[in-house]
Amino acid sequence: MYDYLIVGAGLFGAVFAHEAVKKGKSCLVIDKRNHVGGNVYTEEIEGINVHKYGAHIFHTNDKYVWDYVNSFAEFNRYTNSPIAIYGDEVYNLPFNMNTFSKLWNIKSPDEAKSIIERQKTEAGIDEPQNLEEQAISLVGTDVYTKLVKGYTAKQWGKSPKDLPSFIIKRLPVRYTYDNNYFNDRYQGIPQGGYTRIIEKMLEGSDVRLNTDFYCDRENLGMLANKIVFTGTIDRYYDYCFGKLEYRSLLFETEVMDKDNFQGNAVVNYTSLDVPYTRIIEHKHFEFGTQEKTVVTKEYPAEFDSTGEPYYPINDEKNNELYNKYRRLAEKEENVVFGGRLGMYKYYDMHVVIKEALELSKKMLV
């Protein structure tokens, strides 16, 4: 008998398990995969820590959370400065003066503002009715056409004209020559990869991998007084109200016999004729000097029962459906839900950690 059964050995489950063990609680952590770490799992290949489920760059303004993760690993000074390729053209992200200078052969912020405002006025959009109109009303037609339109269509699997406007509430536009993607005070990559952090968090807990909760739900549930569940909330309730929608990802990873493939960790491909959205070159996250390199192409995909759910589709229909499940969950006495899948919301890593810490404060008394 355990105090807690934690379903999912990802970031949320690992943080909660760590805090519970510190309070003298016993935890059984299970995961259907053959490794801990969930989507932040990193695997060493050719001496390079490969982000197996997409790039994960830690960033936060919360000093408490930053100090917390640094208690498990030392973080390097990596700064996320992605670039975007549109045809034969290369642009800096986020949208900043380097981007605008390349687009329009200009130098000053006033010139950039003038062009964007003129394009917004020419578009004549008073009340955006879809994502395309919303994006153009924010950044103008040139930025939208080259750097937003194709990427968004691939990411969502739909034309931006068929997506609701509220998906893009704002787009980052900087009138400075600053390629740092995040504005957060703290940013970096853990030296040695994220898996080591998760392993340290899970010390003191019993861990069972290759264990699917749904294959032995009744017996597993009887092993603990309470359950912390980080899987999809709709499946937990047997889809009684219907299925929540997600977007998924497919990855194509290749070891290359060269020391540098693209010169940057993250390169986005924004034109629709390129099937993948970005290429990750993992060694650049940790300033690697290995003779070989490892690159991953990232393809957005429809989510089905054979894939992994990555991005909740938080449109009005799905949010209403989730609220029905949430109300069921609030009635549970011995089960709590957490993480992106349990709370049906896209969370950055620092928010996942904070949510898990807040839950542990409430429950671990």
Protein backbone atom coordinates (compact mmCIF):
# COMPACT_ATOMS: atom_id res chain seq x y z
CA MET A 1 0.00 0.00 0.00
CA TYR A 2 1.32 3.42 -1.02
CA ASP A 3 0.20 6.87 -0.03
CA TYR A 4 0.16 7.93 -3.69
CA LEU A 5 -0.07 6.28 -7.07
CA ILE A 6 1.31 8.76 -9.59
CA VAL A 7 0.30 7.99 -13.15
CA GLY A 8 2.91 9.47 -15.45
CA ALA A 9 6.66 9.91 -14.83
CA GLY A 10 6.85 13.27 -16.54
CA LEU A 11 7.66 16.63 -15.04
CA PHE A 12 4.42 17.10 -13.07
CA GLY A 13 4.42 13.60 -11.61
CA ALA A 14 8.13 13.70 -10.77
CA VAL A 15 7.89 17.03 -8.95
CA PHE A 16 4.92 15.85 -6.92
CA ALA A 17 6.66 12.56 -6.09
CA HIS A 18 9.78 14.41 -4.94
CA GLU A 19 7.80 16.68 -2.65
CA ALA A 20 5.77 13.77 -1.29
CA VAL A 21 8.86 11.72 -0.45
CA LYS A 22 10.33 14.74 1.35
CA LYS A 23 7.20 14.70 3.53
CA GLY A 24 7.67 11.04 4.35
CA LYS A 25 5.01 9.77 1.95
CA SER A 26 5.36 6.59 -0.09
CA CYS A 27 4.86 6.84 -3.84
CA LEU A 28 4.49 4.44 -6.73
CA VAL A 29 5.13 6.14 -10.06
CA ILE A 30 4.06 4.33 -13.22
CA ASP A 31 4.51 5.18 -16.88
CA LYS A 32 3.47 3.36 -20.05
CA ARG A 33 6.73 4.32 -21.77
CA ASN A 34 10.02 2.52 -21.22
CA HIS A 35 11.65 5.58 -19.67
CA VAL A 36 10.99 8.36 -17.18
CA GLY A 37 10.75 12.02 -18.10
CA GLY A 38 7.64 12.12 -20.27
CA ASN A 39 8.08 14.58 -23.12
CA VAL A 40 11.17 16.22 -21.58
CA TYR A 41 13.08 12.93 -21.85
CA THR A 42 16.56 13.27 -23.30
CA GLU A 43 18.59 10.36 -24.66
CA GLU A 44 22.33 10.39 -25.25
CA ILE A 45 23.31 9.63 -28.85
CA GLU A 46 26.91 10.06 -30.03
CA GLY A 47 27.60 11.96 -26.81
CA ILE A 48 24.77 14.41 -27.56
CA ASN A 49 21.69 14.83 -25.37
CA VAL A 50 18.84 14.42 -27.82
CA HIS A 51 15.42 15.91 -26.99
CA LYS A 52 13.38 12.90 -28.09
CA TYR A 53 10.00 14.63 -28.06
CA GLY A 54 10.83 18.06 -29.39
CA ALA A 55 12.94 20.96 -28.21
CA HIS A 56 12.54 21.88 -24.55
CA ILE A 57 14.14 25.18 -23.54
CA PHE A 58 13.65 26.14 -19.92
CA HIS A 59 12.69 29.75 -19.28
CA THR A 60 10.94 31.58 -16.45
CA ASN A 61 10.66 34.83 -14.56
CA ASP A 62 9.89 32.95 -11.36
CA LYS A 63 13.08 32.88 -9.26
CA TYR A 64 11.65 30.27 -6.91
CA VAL A 65 11.02 27.85 -9.78
CA TRP A 66 14.42 28.66 -11.30
CA ASP A 67 16.21 27.94 -8.02
CA TYR A 68 14.13 24.78 -7.63
CA VAL A 69 15.21 23.23 -10.96
CA ASN A 70 18.78 24.34 -10.40
CA SER A 71 18.83 22.28 -7.21
CA PHE A 72 18.71 19.18 -9.45
CA ALA A 73 21.07 20.26 -12.23
CA GLU A 74 23.29 23.08 -13.35
CA PHE A 75 21.84 25.03 -16.25
CA ASN A 76 23.96 26.50 -19.02
CA ARG A 77 23.59 29.94 -20.62
CA TYR A 78 21.75 28.78 -23.76
CA THR A 79 19.59 31.52 -25.28
CA ASN A 80 16.83 30.54 -27.67
CA SER A 81 17.39 32.45 -30.91
CA PRO A 82 15.60 30.47 -33.63
CA ILE A 83 15.69 31.34 -37.30
CA ALA A 84 13.03 30.84 -39.95
CA ILE A 85 13.54 29.68 -43.53
CA TYR A 86 11.03 30.69 -46.18
CA GLY A 87 12.12 29.38 -49.57
CA ASP A 88 15.70 30.61 -49.98
CA GLU A 89 15.28 33.40 -47.44
CA VAL A 90 16.47 33.30 -43.81
CA TYR A 91 14.90 35.43 -41.08
CA ASN A 92 15.46 35.94 -37.37
CA LEU A 93 12.77 35.13 -34.81
CA PRO A 94 10.93 36.50 -32.96
CA PHE A 95 9.88 39.31 -35.30
CA ASN A 96 12.42 42.05 -34.63
CA MET A 97 14.52 44.66 -36.39
CA ASN A 98 16.80 41.98 -37.87
CA THR A 99 13.69 40.39 -39.40
CA PHE A 100 12.36 43.69 -40.73
CA SER A 101 15.74 44.80 -42.06
CA LYS A 102 15.98 41.60 -44.10
CA LEU A 103 12.35 41.84 -45.28
CA TRP A 104 12.34 45.46 -46.38
CA ASN A 105 15.99 46.60 -46.49
CA ILE A 106 15.42 49.17 -43.76
CA LYS A 107 17.36 50.28 -40.68
CA SER A 108 15.14 52.10 -38.21
CA PRO A 109 12.20 51.17 -35.99
CA ASP A 110 10.20 54.08 -37.42
CA GLU A 111 10.52 52.63 -40.92
CA ALA A 112 9.38 49.19 -39.71
CA LYS A 113 6.41 50.61 -37.80
CA SER A 114 5.38 52.65 -40.81
CA ILE A 115 5.39 49.64 -43.15
CA ILE A 116 3.48 47.43 -40.74
CA GLU A 117 0.88 50.11 -40.04
CA ARG A 118 0.43 50.79 -43.77
CA GLN A 119 -0.10 47.08 -44.49
CA LYS A 120 -2.57 46.76 -41.64
CA THR A 121 -4.52 49.76 -42.94
CA GLU A 122 -4.50 48.45 -46.52
CA ALA A 123 -5.88 45.10 -45.31
CA GLY A 124 -8.93 46.95 -44.00
CA ILE A 125 -9.69 44.48 -41.22
CA ASP A 126 -11.82 46.05 -38.50
CA GLU A 127 -13.05 42.94 -36.71
CA PRO A 128 -10.93 39.84 -37.45
CA GLN A 129 -13.12 36.84 -38.26
CA ASN A 130 -10.41 34.18 -38.43
CA LEU A 131 -6.77 33.56 -37.58
CA GLU A 132 -5.49 34.94 -40.87
CA GLU A 133 -7.28 38.25 -40.41
CA GLN A 134 -6.20 38.43 -36.78
CA ALA A 135 -2.54 37.87 -37.67
CA ILE A 136 -2.58 40.43 -40.49
CA SER A 137 -4.19 42.98 -38.17
CA LEU A 138 -1.27 42.47 -35.79
CA VAL A 139 1.82 42.22 -38.02
CA GLY A 140 0.79 43.14 -41.56
CA THR A 141 0.72 41.04 -44.74
CA ASP A 142 4.45 40.47 -45.40
CA VAL A 143 5.28 39.00 -41.99
CA TYR A 144 2.08 36.99 -42.04
CA THR A 145 2.62 35.56 -45.54
CA LYS A 146 6.24 34.53 -45.06
CA LEU A 147 6.52 33.67 -41.37
CA VAL A 148 3.06 32.83 -40.02
CA LYS A 149 0.73 31.47 -42.69
CA GLY A 150 2.42 28.23 -43.75
CA TYR A 151 3.78 27.36 -40.33
CA THR A 152 0.35 27.80 -38.73
CA ALA A 153 -1.37 25.73 -41.43
CA LYS A 154 1.07 22.87 -40.85
CA GLN A 155 0.88 23.11 -37.06
CA TRP A 156 -2.92 22.99 -36.95
CA GLY A 157 -3.60 20.95 -40.07
CA LYS A 158 -6.03 23.62 -41.29
CA SER A 159 -5.97 26.80 -43.31
CA PRO A 160 -5.61 29.89 -41.09
CA LYS A 161 -8.83 31.12 -42.69
CA ASP A 162 -10.60 28.16 -41.06
CA LEU A 163 -9.13 28.73 -37.60
CA PRO A 164 -10.74 31.02 -34.99
CA SER A 165 -9.12 34.42 -34.47
CA PHE A 166 -8.63 33.99 -30.72
CA ILE A 167 -5.91 31.35 -31.24
CA ILE A 168 -3.53 34.23 -31.97
CA LYS A 169 -4.28 36.89 -29.39
CA ARG A 170 -0.94 38.55 -29.99
CA LEU A 171 2.25 38.07 -31.96
CA PRO A 172 5.60 39.19 -30.55
CA VAL A 173 6.91 42.24 -32.44
CA ARG A 174 10.09 43.91 -31.25
CA TYR A 175 11.50 47.11 -32.66
CA THR A 176 14.99 46.26 -31.40
CA TYR A 177 17.80 44.14 -32.84
CA ASP A 178 17.22 41.39 -30.27
CA ASN A 179 17.02 37.74 -31.34
CA ASN A 180 16.33 36.34 -27.87
CA TYR A 181 13.00 34.56 -28.30
CA PHE A 182 11.99 34.79 -24.65
CA ASN A 183 11.70 37.84 -22.46
CA ASP A 184 12.13 35.83 -19.29
CA ARG A 185 14.90 36.67 -16.86
CA TYR A 186 16.09 33.05 -16.50
CA GLN A 187 16.80 30.72 -19.41
CA GLY A 188 18.96 27.71 -20.16
CA ILE A 189 19.36 23.99 -20.76
CA PRO A 190 20.32 21.54 -17.99
CA GLN A 191 23.82 20.27 -18.52
CA GLY A 192 23.58 16.53 -19.05
CA GLY A 193 19.95 16.64 -20.18
CA TYR A 194 16.53 16.66 -18.56
CA THR A 195 16.42 12.94 -17.80
CA ARG A 196 18.94 13.35 -15.00
CA ILE A 197 16.66 15.91 -13.34
CA ILE A 198 13.68 13.56 -13.44
CA GLU A 199 15.74 10.66 -12.11
CA LYS A 200 16.85 12.76 -9.14
CA MET A 201 13.27 13.87 -8.49
CA LEU A 202 12.12 10.24 -8.43
CA GLU A 203 14.71 9.07 -5.92
CA GLY A 204 12.89 7.47 -3.01
CA SER A 205 9.84 6.53 -5.08
CA ASP A 206 9.12 3.13 -6.56
CA VAL A 207 8.97 3.37 -10.36
CA ARG A 208 7.38 0.92 -12.77
CA LEU A 209 7.91 1.50 -16.48
CA ASN A 210 6.11 -0.19 -19.39
CA THR A 211 3.04 -0.07 -17.16
CA ASP A 212 -0.20 1.10 -18.75
CA PHE A 213 -2.69 2.29 -16.14
CA TYR A 214 -5.63 1.21 -18.26
CA CYS A 215 -4.39 -2.37 -18.65
CA ASP A 216 -4.66 -2.98 -14.89
CA ARG A 217 -6.62 -0.02 -13.64
CA GLU A 218 -8.50 -1.70 -10.82
CA ASN A 219 -5.52 -3.43 -9.23
CA LEU A 220 -3.22 -0.42 -9.60
CA GLY A 221 -5.82 1.84 -8.07
CA MET A 222 -6.01 -0.42 -5.03
CA LEU A 223 -2.29 -0.01 -4.32
CA ALA A 224 -2.56 3.55 -3.03
CA ASN A 225 -4.75 5.79 -0.93
CA LYS A 226 -4.78 8.56 -3.55
CA ILE A 227 -4.02 8.93 -7.25
CA VAL A 228 -2.24 11.80 -8.98
CA PHE A 229 -3.21 11.39 -12.63
CA THR A 230 -1.32 13.15 -15.44
CA GLY A 231 -2.83 11.36 -18.42
CA THR A 232 -5.70 12.52 -20.60
CA ILE A 233 -8.70 13.36 -18.43
CA ASP A 234 -11.28 12.33 -21.03
CA ARG A 235 -9.91 8.79 -21.28
CA TYR A 236 -9.88 8.48 -17.49
CA TYR A 237 -13.65 8.94 -17.62
CA ASP A 238 -14.01 6.58 -20.59
CA TYR A 239 -14.86 9.47 -22.92
CA CYS A 240 -18.28 9.71 -21.32
CA PHE A 241 -18.83 13.22 -22.71
CA GLY A 242 -16.83 12.66 -25.90
CA LYS A 243 -13.17 12.91 -26.92
CA LEU A 244 -11.06 15.99 -26.44
CA GLU A 245 -8.99 16.96 -29.48
CA TYR A 246 -5.21 17.24 -29.64
CA ARG A 247 -2.50 17.80 -32.20
CA SER A 248 0.34 15.32 -32.27
CA LEU A 249 3.91 15.25 -33.55
CA LEU A 250 6.04 12.81 -35.51
CA PHE A 251 9.83 12.87 -35.32
CA GLU A 252 12.48 11.82 -37.82
CA THR A 253 15.92 11.70 -36.18
CA GLU A 254 19.19 11.21 -38.05
CA VAL A 255 22.84 10.95 -37.02
CA MET A 256 25.04 12.85 -39.47
CA ASP A 257 28.73 12.33 -40.04
CA LYS A 258 29.52 16.05 -39.81
CA ASP A 259 30.12 18.39 -36.93
CA ASN A 260 27.57 21.08 -37.85
CA PHE A 261 24.46 20.77 -40.03
CA GLN A 262 22.52 24.02 -39.73
CA GLY A 263 24.44 26.26 -37.34
CA ASN A 264 21.56 26.71 -34.90
CA ALA A 265 19.60 24.57 -32.48
CA VAL A 266 16.17 25.50 -33.86
CA VAL A 267 15.36 26.31 -37.48
CA ASN A 268 11.70 26.80 -38.45
CA TYR A 269 10.45 26.10 -41.97
CA THR A 270 7.53 28.41 -42.61
CA SER A 271 6.50 27.63 -46.19
CA LEU A 272 3.68 25.16 -46.75
CA ASP A 273 5.57 23.15 -49.37
CA VAL A 274 8.01 21.88 -46.69
CA PRO A 275 6.16 19.17 -44.74
CA TYR A 276 7.97 19.62 -41.41
CA THR A 277 7.75 22.69 -39.21
CA ARG A 278 11.28 22.74 -37.86
CA ILE A 279 14.62 20.97 -37.64
CA ILE A 280 16.34 20.61 -34.27
CA GLU A 281 20.11 20.20 -34.11
CA HIS A 282 20.52 19.00 -30.55
CA LYS A 283 24.24 19.55 -29.95
CA HIS A 284 23.79 23.33 -30.11
CA PHE A 285 21.66 23.29 -26.96
CA GLU A 286 24.80 22.47 -24.99
CA PHE A 287 27.44 24.03 -27.25
CA GLY A 288 28.62 20.59 -28.32
CA THR A 289 31.93 20.00 -30.09
CA GLN A 290 31.36 16.36 -31.07
CA GLU A 291 32.58 15.19 -34.48
CA LYS A 292 29.05 14.06 -35.41
CA THR A 293 25.68 15.72 -35.07
CA VAL A 294 22.09 14.59 -34.50
CA VAL A 295 19.16 16.36 -36.16
CA THR A 296 15.41 15.84 -35.82
CA LYS A 297 12.72 16.88 -38.27
CA GLU A 298 9.41 17.66 -36.55
CA TYR A 299 6.15 16.93 -38.36
CA PRO A 300 2.76 18.02 -36.96
CA ALA A 301 0.16 15.27 -37.21
CA GLU A 302 -3.40 14.36 -36.42
CA PHE A 303 -3.76 12.72 -33.03
CA ASP A 304 -5.17 9.22 -32.93
CA SER A 305 -5.08 6.32 -30.48
CA THR A 306 -1.67 5.14 -31.76
CA GLY A 307 0.10 8.48 -31.28
CA GLU A 308 0.87 10.83 -28.44
CA PRO A 309 -1.24 13.88 -27.55
CA TYR A 310 0.96 16.98 -27.48
CA TYR A 311 -1.10 20.13 -27.94
CA PRO A 312 -4.62 20.57 -26.56
CA ILE A 313 -6.85 22.29 -29.09
CA ASN A 314 -8.26 24.91 -26.76
CA ASP A 315 -11.04 26.21 -28.97
CA GLU A 316 -14.49 26.96 -27.62
CA LYS A 317 -15.90 23.52 -28.35
CA ASN A 318 -13.07 21.62 -26.65
CA ASN A 319 -12.91 23.97 -23.67
CA GLU A 320 -16.62 23.45 -23.03
CA LEU A 321 -16.10 19.69 -23.21
CA TYR A 322 -13.11 19.86 -20.85
CA ASN A 323 -15.16 21.84 -18.32
CA LYS A 324 -17.61 18.94 -18.15
CA TYR A 325 -14.75 16.60 -17.26
CA ARG A 326 -13.30 19.15 -14.85
CA ARG A 327 -16.56 19.28 -12.94
CA LEU A 328 -16.46 15.49 -12.62
CA ALA A 329 -12.87 15.69 -11.41
CA GLU A 330 -13.75 18.25 -8.75
CA LYS A 331 -16.07 15.70 -7.14
CA GLU A 332 -13.26 13.14 -6.73
CA GLU A 333 -12.06 12.60 -3.18
CA ASN A 334 -9.01 10.45 -3.89
CA VAL A 335 -7.98 11.43 -7.43
CA VAL A 336 -6.40 14.69 -8.62
CA PHE A 337 -5.44 15.63 -12.16
CA GLY A 338 -2.38 17.56 -13.27
CA GLY A 339 -0.12 18.46 -16.17
CA ARG A 340 -0.98 19.37 -19.75
CA LEU A 341 -3.15 16.33 -20.34
CA GLY A 342 -4.87 16.18 -16.98
CA MET A 343 -5.72 19.90 -17.08
CA TYR A 344 -6.13 20.14 -20.88
CA LYS A 345 -3.94 23.19 -21.28
CA TYR A 346 -0.63 23.90 -22.96
CA TYR A 347 1.79 24.69 -20.14
CA ASP A 348 5.44 25.68 -20.38
CA MET A 349 7.74 23.67 -18.16
CA HIS A 350 8.07 26.27 -15.43
CA VAL A 351 4.28 26.46 -15.12
CA VAL A 352 4.00 22.66 -14.88
CA ILE A 353 6.53 22.71 -12.04
CA LYS A 354 4.73 25.52 -10.26
CA GLU A 355 1.36 23.75 -10.58
CA ALA A 356 2.86 20.55 -9.15
CA LEU A 357 4.44 22.45 -6.25
CA GLU A 358 1.15 24.21 -5.49
CA LEU A 359 -0.70 20.90 -5.51
CA SER A 360 1.86 19.35 -3.19
CA LYS A 361 1.43 22.23 -0.71
CA LYS A 362 -2.32 21.65 -0.62
CA MET A 363 -2.20 17.87 -0.34
CA LEU A 364 0.95 17.13 1.63
CA VAL A 365 0.00 18.36 5.09
